C-alpha cells in the first residue's frame, strides 16, 4: 500500500533534476541526498544524452542516496527515502 501512495504523489511532481552526458557526479549525489532529506520523494529525468544503462544508473543512485526507486516511466525515475522497519 505504501508504494501505491507514493506513486500517486509522484504523478504530481515535476522532475527536480536531470542527468545528462556528464553522468552521475558527486555534486548530483549530494544534491539528491539534500532534496530527499527535505522532500522524501524526488523525481529525476535522464536526458537522451545519457549513454549508459538508465536502470543500472538508477539503482546505483538509489544505493548512494540511501533511497529506493519506486517508479520508472520512460526516462523518468522516482526515488523515495528508505523506510526503517522496526522489528
PDB file of N, CA and C in Angstrom:
ATOM      1  N   UNK A   1       0.822  -1.202   0.000  1.00  0.00           N
ATOM      2  CA  UNK A   1       0.000   0.000   0.000  1.00  0.00           C
ATOM      3  C   UNK A   1       0.862   1.261   0.000  1.00  0.00           C
ATOM      4  N   UNK A   2       1.955   1.228   0.723  1.00  0.00           N
ATOM      5  CA  UNK A   2       2.834   2.392   0.830  1.00  0.00           C
ATOM      6  C   UNK A   2       3.359   2.823  -0.533  1.00  0.00           C
ATOM      7  N   UNK A   3       3.763   1.871  -1.363  1.00  0.00           N
ATOM      8  CA  UNK A   3       4.322   2.184  -2.677  1.00  0.00           C
ATOM      9  C   UNK A   3       3.256   2.853  -3.557  1.00  0.00           C
ATOM     10  N   UNK A   4       2.049   2.346  -3.541  1.00  0.00           N
ATOM     11  CA  UNK A   4       0.975   2.921  -4.353  1.00  0.00           C
ATOM     12  C   UNK A   4       0.687   4.366  -3.946  1.00  0.00           C
ATOM     13  N   UNK A   5       0.723   4.654  -2.660  1.00  0.00           N
ATOM     14  CA  UNK A   5       0.506   6.021  -2.183  1.00  0.00           C
ATOM     15  C   UNK A   5       1.613   6.948  -2.675  1.00  0.00           C
ATOM     16  N   UNK A   6       2.858   6.475  -2.602  1.00  0.00           N
ATOM     17  CA  UNK A   6       3.992   7.279  -3.057  1.00  0.00           C
ATOM     18  C   UNK A   6       3.921   7.508  -4.567  1.00  0.00           C
ATOM     19  N   UNK A   7       3.520   6.494  -5.315  1.00  0.00           N
ATOM     20  CA  UNK A   7       3.411   6.639  -6.768  1.00  0.00           C
ATOM     21  C   UNK A   7       2.330   7.650  -7.133  1.00  0.00           C
ATOM     22  N   UNK A   8       1.251   7.660  -6.387  1.00  0.00           N
ATOM     23  CA  UNK A   8       0.183   8.629  -6.633  1.00  0.00           C
ATOM     24  C   UNK A   8       0.680  10.051  -6.377  1.00  0.00           C
ATOM     25  N   UNK A   9       1.452  10.238  -5.313  1.00  0.00           N
ATOM     26  CA  UNK A   9       2.022  11.556  -5.019  1.00  0.00           C
ATOM     27  C   UNK A   9       3.023  11.972  -6.092  1.00  0.00           C
ATOM     28  N   UNK A  10       3.767  10.996  -6.617  1.00  0.00           N
ATOM     29  CA  UNK A  10       4.817  11.284  -7.602  1.00  0.00           C
ATOM     30  C   UNK A  10       4.247  11.788  -8.923  1.00  0.00           C
ATOM     31  N   UNK A  11       3.027  11.426  -9.242  1.00  0.00           N
ATOM     32  CA  UNK A  11       2.426  11.882 -10.504  1.00  0.00           C
ATOM     33  C   UNK A  11       2.321  13.402 -10.559  1.00  0.00           C
ATOM     34  N   UNK A  12       2.183  14.022  -9.414  1.00  0.00           N
ATOM     35  CA  UNK A  12       2.007  15.467  -9.360  1.00  0.00           C
ATOM     36  C   UNK A  12       3.338  16.221  -9.377  1.00  0.00           C
ATOM     37  N   UNK A  13       4.440  15.522  -9.190  1.00  0.00           N
ATOM     38  CA  UNK A  13       5.752  16.161  -9.134  1.00  0.00           C
ATOM     39  C   UNK A  13       6.324  16.413 -10.521  1.00  0.00           C
ATOM     40  N   UNK A  14       7.133  17.436 -10.604  1.00  0.00           N
ATOM     41  CA  UNK A  14       7.934  17.678 -11.804  1.00  0.00           C
ATOM     42  C   UNK A  14       9.345  17.174 -11.503  1.00  0.00           C
ATOM     43  N   UNK A  15      10.083  16.728 -12.523  1.00  0.00           N
ATOM     44  CA  UNK A  15      11.452  16.294 -12.261  1.00  0.00           C
ATOM     45  C   UNK A  15      12.275  17.423 -11.641  1.00  0.00           C
ATOM     46  N   UNK A  16      12.901  17.128 -10.514  1.00  0.00           N
ATOM     47  CA  UNK A  16      13.660  18.161  -9.813  1.00  0.00           C
ATOM     48  C   UNK A  16      15.084  18.285 -10.341  1.00  0.00           C
ATOM     49  N   UNK A  17      15.579  17.230 -10.981  1.00  0.00           N
ATOM     50  CA  UNK A  17      16.936  17.261 -11.538  1.00  0.00           C
ATOM     51  C   UNK A  17      16.973  16.445 -12.817  1.00  0.00           C
ATOM     52  N   UNK A  18      18.015  16.701 -13.605  1.00  0.00           N
ATOM     53  CA  UNK A  18      18.227  15.973 -14.846  1.00  0.00           C
ATOM     54  C   UNK A  18      19.649  15.440 -14.874  1.00  0.00           C
ATOM     55  N   UNK A  19      19.791  14.249 -15.453  1.00  0.00           N
ATOM     56  CA  UNK A  19      21.115  13.651 -15.608  1.00  0.00           C
ATOM     57  C   UNK A  19      21.400  13.610 -17.102  1.00  0.00           C
ATOM     58  N   UNK A  20      22.506  14.230 -17.495  1.00  0.00           N
ATOM     59  CA  UNK A  20      22.861  14.296 -18.910  1.00  0.00           C
ATOM     60  C   UNK A  20      24.142  13.563 -19.214  1.00  0.00           C
ATOM     61  N   UNK A  21      24.896  14.084 -20.163  1.00  0.00           N
ATOM     62  CA  UNK A  21      26.105  13.410 -20.626  1.00  0.00           C
ATOM     63  C   UNK A  21      27.214  13.367 -19.573  1.00  0.00           C
ATOM     64  N   UNK A  22      27.179  14.273 -18.582  1.00  0.00           N
ATOM     65  CA  UNK A  22      28.198  14.240 -17.523  1.00  0.00           C
ATOM     66  C   UNK A  22      27.976  13.066 -16.569  1.00  0.00           C
ATOM     67  N   UNK A  23      26.789  12.497 -16.582  1.00  0.00           N
ATOM     68  CA  UNK A  23      26.515  11.296 -15.801  1.00  0.00           C
ATOM     69  C   UNK A  23      26.305  11.563 -14.318  1.00  0.00           C
ATOM     70  N   UNK A  24      26.602  10.546 -13.533  1.00  0.00           N
ATOM     71  CA  UNK A  24      26.398  10.608 -12.089  1.00  0.00           C
ATOM     72  C   UNK A  24      27.646  11.207 -11.451  1.00  0.00           C
ATOM     73  N   UNK A  25      27.531  12.425 -10.996  1.00  0.00           N
ATOM     74  CA  UNK A  25      28.658  13.136 -10.399  1.00  0.00           C
ATOM     75  C   UNK A  25      28.462  13.239  -8.888  1.00  0.00           C
ATOM     76  N   UNK A  26      29.535  13.476  -8.144  1.00  0.00           N
ATOM     77  CA  UNK A  26      29.393  13.661  -6.688  1.00  0.00           C
ATOM     78  C   UNK A  26      28.462  14.822  -6.335  1.00  0.00           C
ATOM     79  N   UNK A  27      28.468  15.871  -7.146  1.00  0.00           N
ATOM     80  CA  UNK A  27      27.574  17.003  -6.909  1.00  0.00           C
ATOM     81  C   UNK A  27      26.108  16.615  -7.065  1.00  0.00           C
ATOM     82  N   UNK A  28      25.822  15.764  -8.047  1.00  0.00           N
ATOM     83  CA  UNK A  28      24.463  15.281  -8.258  1.00  0.00           C
ATOM     84  C   UNK A  28      23.994  14.475  -7.052  1.00  0.00           C
ATOM     85  N   UNK A  29      24.848  13.575  -6.594  1.00  0.00           N
ATOM     86  CA  UNK A  29      24.504  12.736  -5.443  1.00  0.00           C
ATOM     87  C   UNK A  29      24.270  13.594  -4.202  1.00  0.00           C
ATOM     88  N   UNK A  30      25.128  14.568  -3.990  1.00  0.00           N
ATOM     89  CA  UNK A  30      24.991  15.449  -2.826  1.00  0.00           C
ATOM     90  C   UNK A  30      23.664  16.206  -2.858  1.00  0.00           C
ATOM     91  N   UNK A  31      23.316  16.738  -4.021  1.00  0.00           N
ATOM     92  CA  UNK A  31      22.065  17.482  -4.159  1.00  0.00           C
ATOM     93  C   UNK A  31      20.842  16.571  -4.000  1.00  0.00           C
ATOM     94  N   UNK A  32      20.911  15.364  -4.569  1.00  0.00           N
ATOM     95  CA  UNK A  32      19.800  14.430  -4.427  1.00  0.00           C
ATOM     96  C   UNK A  32      19.592  14.027  -2.970  1.00  0.00           C
ATOM     97  N   UNK A  33      20.681  13.811  -2.244  1.00  0.00           N
ATOM     98  CA  UNK A  33      20.575  13.483  -0.812  1.00  0.00           C
ATOM     99  C   UNK A  33      19.888  14.610  -0.050  1.00  0.00           C
ATOM    100  N   UNK A  34      20.284  15.840  -0.350  1.00  0.00           N
ATOM    101  CA  UNK A  34      19.688  17.001   0.326  1.00  0.00           C
ATOM    102  C   UNK A  34      18.201  17.113   0.000  1.00  0.00           C
ATOM    103  N   UNK A  35      17.850  16.925  -1.256  1.00  0.00           N
ATOM    104  CA  UNK A  35      16.444  17.006  -1.644  1.00  0.00           C
ATOM    105  C   UNK A  35      15.617  15.889  -1.027  1.00  0.00           C
ATOM    106  N   UNK A  36      16.174  14.693  -1.002  1.00  0.00           N
ATOM    107  CA  UNK A  36      15.452  13.549  -0.451  1.00  0.00           C
ATOM    108  C   UNK A  36      15.216  13.715   1.042  1.00  0.00           C
ATOM    109  N   UNK A  37      16.165  14.337   1.713  1.00  0.00           N
ATOM    110  CA  UNK A  37      16.031  14.578   3.145  1.00  0.00           C
ATOM    111  C   UNK A  37      14.863  15.522   3.438  1.00  0.00           C
ATOM    112  N   UNK A  38      14.679  16.510   2.574  1.00  0.00           N
ATOM    113  CA  UNK A  38      13.623  17.508   2.775  1.00  0.00           C
ATOM    114  C   UNK A  38      12.275  17.031   2.220  1.00  0.00           C
ATOM    115  N   UNK A  39      12.283  16.521   1.005  1.00  0.00           N
ATOM    116  CA  UNK A  39      11.038  16.217   0.297  1.00  0.00           C
ATOM    117  C   UNK A  39      10.519  14.799   0.498  1.00  0.00           C
ATOM    118  N   UNK A  40      11.389  13.852   0.811  1.00  0.00           N
ATOM    119  CA  UNK A  40      11.059  12.434   0.979  1.00  0.00           C
ATOM    120  C   UNK A  40      10.709  11.713  -0.324  1.00  0.00           C
ATOM    121  N   UNK A  41      10.501  12.477  -1.409  1.00  0.00           N
ATOM    122  CA  UNK A  41      10.125  11.902  -2.693  1.00  0.00           C
ATOM    123  C   UNK A  41      10.638  12.834  -3.794  1.00  0.00           C
ATOM    124  N   UNK A  42      11.475  12.310  -4.698  1.00  0.00           N
ATOM    125  CA  UNK A  42      12.023  13.151  -5.756  1.00  0.00           C
ATOM    126  C   UNK A  42      11.920  12.446  -7.104  1.00  0.00           C
ATOM    127  N   UNK A  43      11.816  13.255  -8.137  1.00  0.00           N
ATOM    128  CA  UNK A  43      11.707  12.742  -9.498  1.00  0.00           C
ATOM    129  C   UNK A  43      12.943  13.194 -10.270  1.00  0.00           C
ATOM    130  N   UNK A  44      13.541  12.264 -11.000  1.00  0.00           N
ATOM    131  CA  UNK A  44      14.779  12.516 -11.731  1.00  0.00           C
ATOM    132  C   UNK A  44      14.601  12.092 -13.186  1.00  0.00           C
ATOM    133  N   UNK A  45      15.035  12.949 -14.104  1.00  0.00           N
ATOM    134  CA  UNK A  45      14.920  12.643 -15.531  1.00  0.00           C
ATOM    135  C   UNK A  45      16.312  12.386 -16.114  1.00  0.00           C
ATOM    136  N   UNK A  46      16.416  11.292 -16.863  1.00  0.00           N
ATOM    137  CA  UNK A  46      17.635  11.007 -17.612  1.00  0.00           C
ATOM    138  C   UNK A  46      17.444  11.569 -19.019  1.00  0.00           C
ATOM    139  N   UNK A  47      18.353  12.423 -19.429  1.00  0.00           N
ATOM    140  CA  UNK A  47      18.282  13.031 -20.748  1.00  0.00           C
ATOM    141  C   UNK A  47      18.724  12.024 -21.818  1.00  0.00           C
ATOM    142  N   UNK A  48      18.402  12.305 -23.066  1.00  0.00           N
ATOM    143  CA  UNK A  48      18.784  11.418 -24.171  1.00  0.00           C
ATOM    144  C   UNK A  48      20.295  11.343 -24.322  1.00  0.00           C
ATOM    145  N   UNK A  49      20.999  12.372 -23.860  1.00  0.00           N
ATOM    146  CA  UNK A  49      22.458  12.388 -23.978  1.00  0.00           C
ATOM    147  C   UNK A  49      23.139  11.444 -22.985  1.00  0.00           C
ATOM    148  N   UNK A  50      22.385  10.912 -22.016  1.00  0.00           N
ATOM    149  CA  UNK A  50      22.949   9.957 -21.062  1.00  0.00           C
ATOM    150  C   UNK A  50      23.068   8.620 -21.778  1.00  0.00           C
ATOM    151  N   UNK A  51      24.294   8.159 -21.987  1.00  0.00           N
ATOM    152  CA  UNK A  51      24.537   6.997 -22.839  1.00  0.00           C
ATOM    153  C   UNK A  51      24.504   5.660 -22.100  1.00  0.00           C
ATOM    154  N   UNK A  52      24.647   5.659 -20.786  1.00  0.00           N
ATOM    155  CA  UNK A  52      24.712   4.405 -20.032  1.00  0.00           C
ATOM    156  C   UNK A  52      23.324   3.802 -19.821  1.00  0.00           C
ATOM    157  N   UNK A  53      23.307   2.610 -19.220  1.00  0.00           N
ATOM    158  CA  UNK A  53      22.062   1.922 -18.895  1.00  0.00           C
ATOM    159  C   UNK A  53      21.337   2.695 -17.784  1.00  0.00           C
ATOM    160  N   UNK A  54      20.161   3.170 -18.071  1.00  0.00           N
ATOM    161  CA  UNK A  54      19.424   4.009 -17.122  1.00  0.00           C
ATOM    162  C   UNK A  54      18.953   3.228 -15.896  1.00  0.00           C
ATOM    163  N   UNK A  55      18.552   1.988 -16.093  1.00  0.00           N
ATOM    164  CA  UNK A  55      18.099   1.167 -14.960  1.00  0.00           C
ATOM    165  C   UNK A  55      19.239   0.916 -13.977  1.00  0.00           C
ATOM    166  N   UNK A  56      20.395   0.565 -14.499  1.00  0.00           N
ATOM    167  CA  UNK A  56      21.561   0.324 -13.639  1.00  0.00           C
ATOM    168  C   UNK A  56      21.986   1.612 -12.949  1.00  0.00           C
ATOM    169  N   UNK A  57      21.933   2.719 -13.667  1.00  0.00           N
ATOM    170  CA  UNK A  57      22.304   4.014 -13.085  1.00  0.00           C
ATOM    171  C   UNK A  57      21.341   4.399 -11.966  1.00  0.00           C
ATOM    172  N   UNK A  58      20.049   4.145 -12.169  1.00  0.00           N
ATOM    173  CA  UNK A  58      19.053   4.469 -11.139  1.00  0.00           C
ATOM    174  C   UNK A  58      19.285   3.634  -9.878  1.00  0.00           C
ATOM    175  N   UNK A  59      19.624   2.366 -10.053  1.00  0.00           N
ATOM    176  CA  UNK A  59      19.919   1.511  -8.891  1.00  0.00           C
ATOM    177  C   UNK A  59      21.151   2.011  -8.155  1.00  0.00           C
ATOM    178  N   UNK A  60      22.153   2.441  -8.903  1.00  0.00           N
ATOM    179  CA  UNK A  60      23.377   2.973  -8.300  1.00  0.00           C
ATOM    180  C   UNK A  60      23.080   4.256  -7.517  1.00  0.00           C
ATOM    181  N   UNK A  61      22.276   5.132  -8.112  1.00  0.00           N
ATOM    182  CA  UNK A  61      21.904   6.374  -7.432  1.00  0.00           C
ATOM    183  C   UNK A  61      21.132   6.072  -6.162  1.00  0.00           C
ATOM    184  N   UNK A  62      20.165   5.150  -6.253  1.00  0.00           N
ATOM    185  CA  UNK A  62      19.358   4.792  -5.079  1.00  0.00           C
ATOM    186  C   UNK A  62      20.242   4.284  -3.942  1.00  0.00           C
ATOM    187  N   UNK A  63      21.228   3.493  -4.286  1.00  0.00           N
ATOM    188  CA  UNK A  63      22.148   2.961  -3.273  1.00  0.00           C
ATOM    189  C   UNK A  63      22.955   4.085  -2.627  1.00  0.00           C
ATOM    190  N   UNK A  64      23.421   5.016  -3.433  1.00  0.00           N
ATOM    191  CA  UNK A  64      24.268   6.099  -2.923  1.00  0.00           C
ATOM    192  C   UNK A  64      23.492   7.121  -2.093  1.00  0.00           C
ATOM    193  N   UNK A  65      22.213   7.318  -2.402  1.00  0.00           N
ATOM    194  CA  UNK A  65      21.435   8.310  -1.653  1.00  0.00           C
ATOM    195  C   UNK A  65      20.611   7.675  -0.548  1.00  0.00           C
ATOM    196  N   UNK A  66      20.771   6.368  -0.352  1.00  0.00           N
ATOM    197  CA  UNK A  66      20.028   5.629   0.670  1.00  0.00           C
ATOM    198  C   UNK A  66      18.520   5.752   0.428  1.00  0.00           C
ATOM    199  N   UNK A  67      18.142   5.488  -0.810  1.00  0.00           N
ATOM    200  CA  UNK A  67      16.742   5.549  -1.199  1.00  0.00           C
ATOM    201  C   UNK A  67      16.368   4.326  -2.011  1.00  0.00           C
ATOM    202  N   UNK A  68      15.144   4.331  -2.520  1.00  0.00           N
ATOM    203  CA  UNK A  68      14.667   3.241  -3.365  1.00  0.00           C
ATOM    204  C   UNK A  68      13.960   3.831  -4.579  1.00  0.00           C
ATOM    205  N   UNK A  69      14.013   3.110  -5.687  1.00  0.00           N
ATOM    206  CA  UNK A  69      13.276   3.507  -6.879  1.00  0.00           C
ATOM    207  C   UNK A  69      11.867   2.957  -6.722  1.00  0.00           C
ATOM    208  N   UNK A  70      10.880   3.838  -6.727  1.00  0.00           N
ATOM    209  CA  UNK A  70       9.507   3.357  -6.561  1.00  0.00           C
ATOM    210  C   UNK A  70       8.716   3.382  -7.866  1.00  0.00           C
ATOM    211  N   UNK A  71       9.231   4.106  -8.872  1.00  0.00           N
ATOM    212  CA  UNK A  71       8.518   4.170 -10.139  1.00  0.00           C
ATOM    213  C   UNK A  71       9.494   4.514 -11.250  1.00  0.00           C
ATOM    214  N   UNK A  72       9.209   3.965 -12.429  1.00  0.00           N
ATOM    215  CA  UNK A  72      10.061   4.222 -13.600  1.00  0.00           C
ATOM    216  C   UNK A  72       9.154   4.260 -14.821  1.00  0.00           C
ATOM    217  N   UNK A  73       9.090   5.421 -15.444  1.00  0.00           N
ATOM    218  CA  UNK A  73       8.308   5.566 -16.673  1.00  0.00           C
ATOM    219  C   UNK A  73       9.203   6.251 -17.694  1.00  0.00           C
ATOM    220  N   UNK A  74       9.586   5.512 -18.715  1.00  0.00           N
ATOM    221  CA  UNK A  74      10.466   6.057 -19.752  1.00  0.00           C
ATOM    222  C   UNK A  74      11.806   6.457 -19.177  1.00  0.00           C
ATOM    223  N   UNK A  75      12.161   7.720 -19.304  1.00  0.00           N
ATOM    224  CA  UNK A  75      13.434   8.222 -18.799  1.00  0.00           C
ATOM    225  C   UNK A  75      13.296   8.888 -17.438  1.00  0.00           C
ATOM    226  N   UNK A  76      12.152   8.760 -16.802  1.00  0.00           N
ATOM    227  CA  UNK A  76      11.896   9.416 -15.521  1.00  0.00           C
ATOM    228  C   UNK A  76      11.816   8.364 -14.416  1.00  0.00           C
ATOM    229  N   UNK A  77      12.593   8.605 -13.358  1.00  0.00           N
ATOM    230  CA  UNK A  77      12.617   7.706 -12.206  1.00  0.00           C
ATOM    231  C   UNK A  77      12.201   8.480 -10.964  1.00  0.00           C
ATOM    232  N   UNK A  78      11.466   7.823 -10.083  1.00  0.00           N
ATOM    233  CA  UNK A  78      11.039   8.433  -8.823  1.00  0.00           C
ATOM    234  C   UNK A  78      11.735   7.694  -7.692  1.00  0.00           C
ATOM    235  N   UNK A  79      12.365   8.468  -6.815  1.00  0.00           N
ATOM    236  CA  UNK A  79      13.072   7.912  -5.662  1.00  0.00           C
ATOM    237  C   UNK A  79      12.364   8.324  -4.383  1.00  0.00           C
ATOM    238  N   UNK A  80      12.323   7.395  -3.441  1.00  0.00           N
ATOM    239  CA  UNK A  80      11.748   7.673  -2.126  1.00  0.00           C
ATOM    240  C   UNK A  80      12.791   7.309  -1.072  1.00  0.00           C
ATOM    241  N   UNK A  81      12.646   7.904   0.076  1.00  0.00           N
ATOM    242  CA  UNK A  81      13.545   7.617   1.182  1.00  0.00           C
ATOM    243  C   UNK A  81      13.240   6.221   1.720  1.00  0.00           C
ATOM    244  N   UNK A  82      14.277   5.476   2.047  1.00  0.00           N
ATOM    245  CA  UNK A  82      14.072   4.148   2.611  1.00  0.00           C
ATOM    246  C   UNK A  82      13.363   4.265   3.948  1.00  0.00           C
ATOM    247  N   UNK A  83      12.462   3.371   4.174  1.00  0.00           N
ATOM    248  CA  UNK A  83      11.758   3.342   5.459  1.00  0.00           C
ATOM    249  C   UNK A  83      12.490   2.392   6.401  1.00  0.00           C
ATOM    250  N   UNK A  84      12.578   2.798   7.630  1.00  0.00           N
ATOM    251  CA  UNK A  84      13.182   1.931   8.636  1.00  0.00           C
ATOM    252  C   UNK A  84      12.109   0.992   9.156  1.00  0.00           C
ATOM    253  N   UNK A  85      12.459  -0.283   9.235  1.00  0.00           N
ATOM    254  CA  UNK A  85      11.495  -1.289   9.697  1.00  0.00           C
ATOM    255  C   UNK A  85      11.871  -1.667  11.127  1.00  0.00           C
ATOM    256  N   UNK A  86      10.933  -1.477  12.014  1.00  0.00           N
ATOM    257  CA  UNK A  86      11.146  -1.861  13.417  1.00  0.00           C
ATOM    258  C   UNK A  86      10.643  -3.269  13.629  1.00  0.00           C
ATOM    259  N   UNK A  87      11.490  -4.074  14.236  1.00  0.00           N
ATOM    260  CA  UNK A  87      11.079  -5.473  14.494  1.00  0.00           C
ATOM    261  C   UNK A  87      10.731  -5.646  15.944  1.00  0.00           C
TER     262      UNK A  87
END
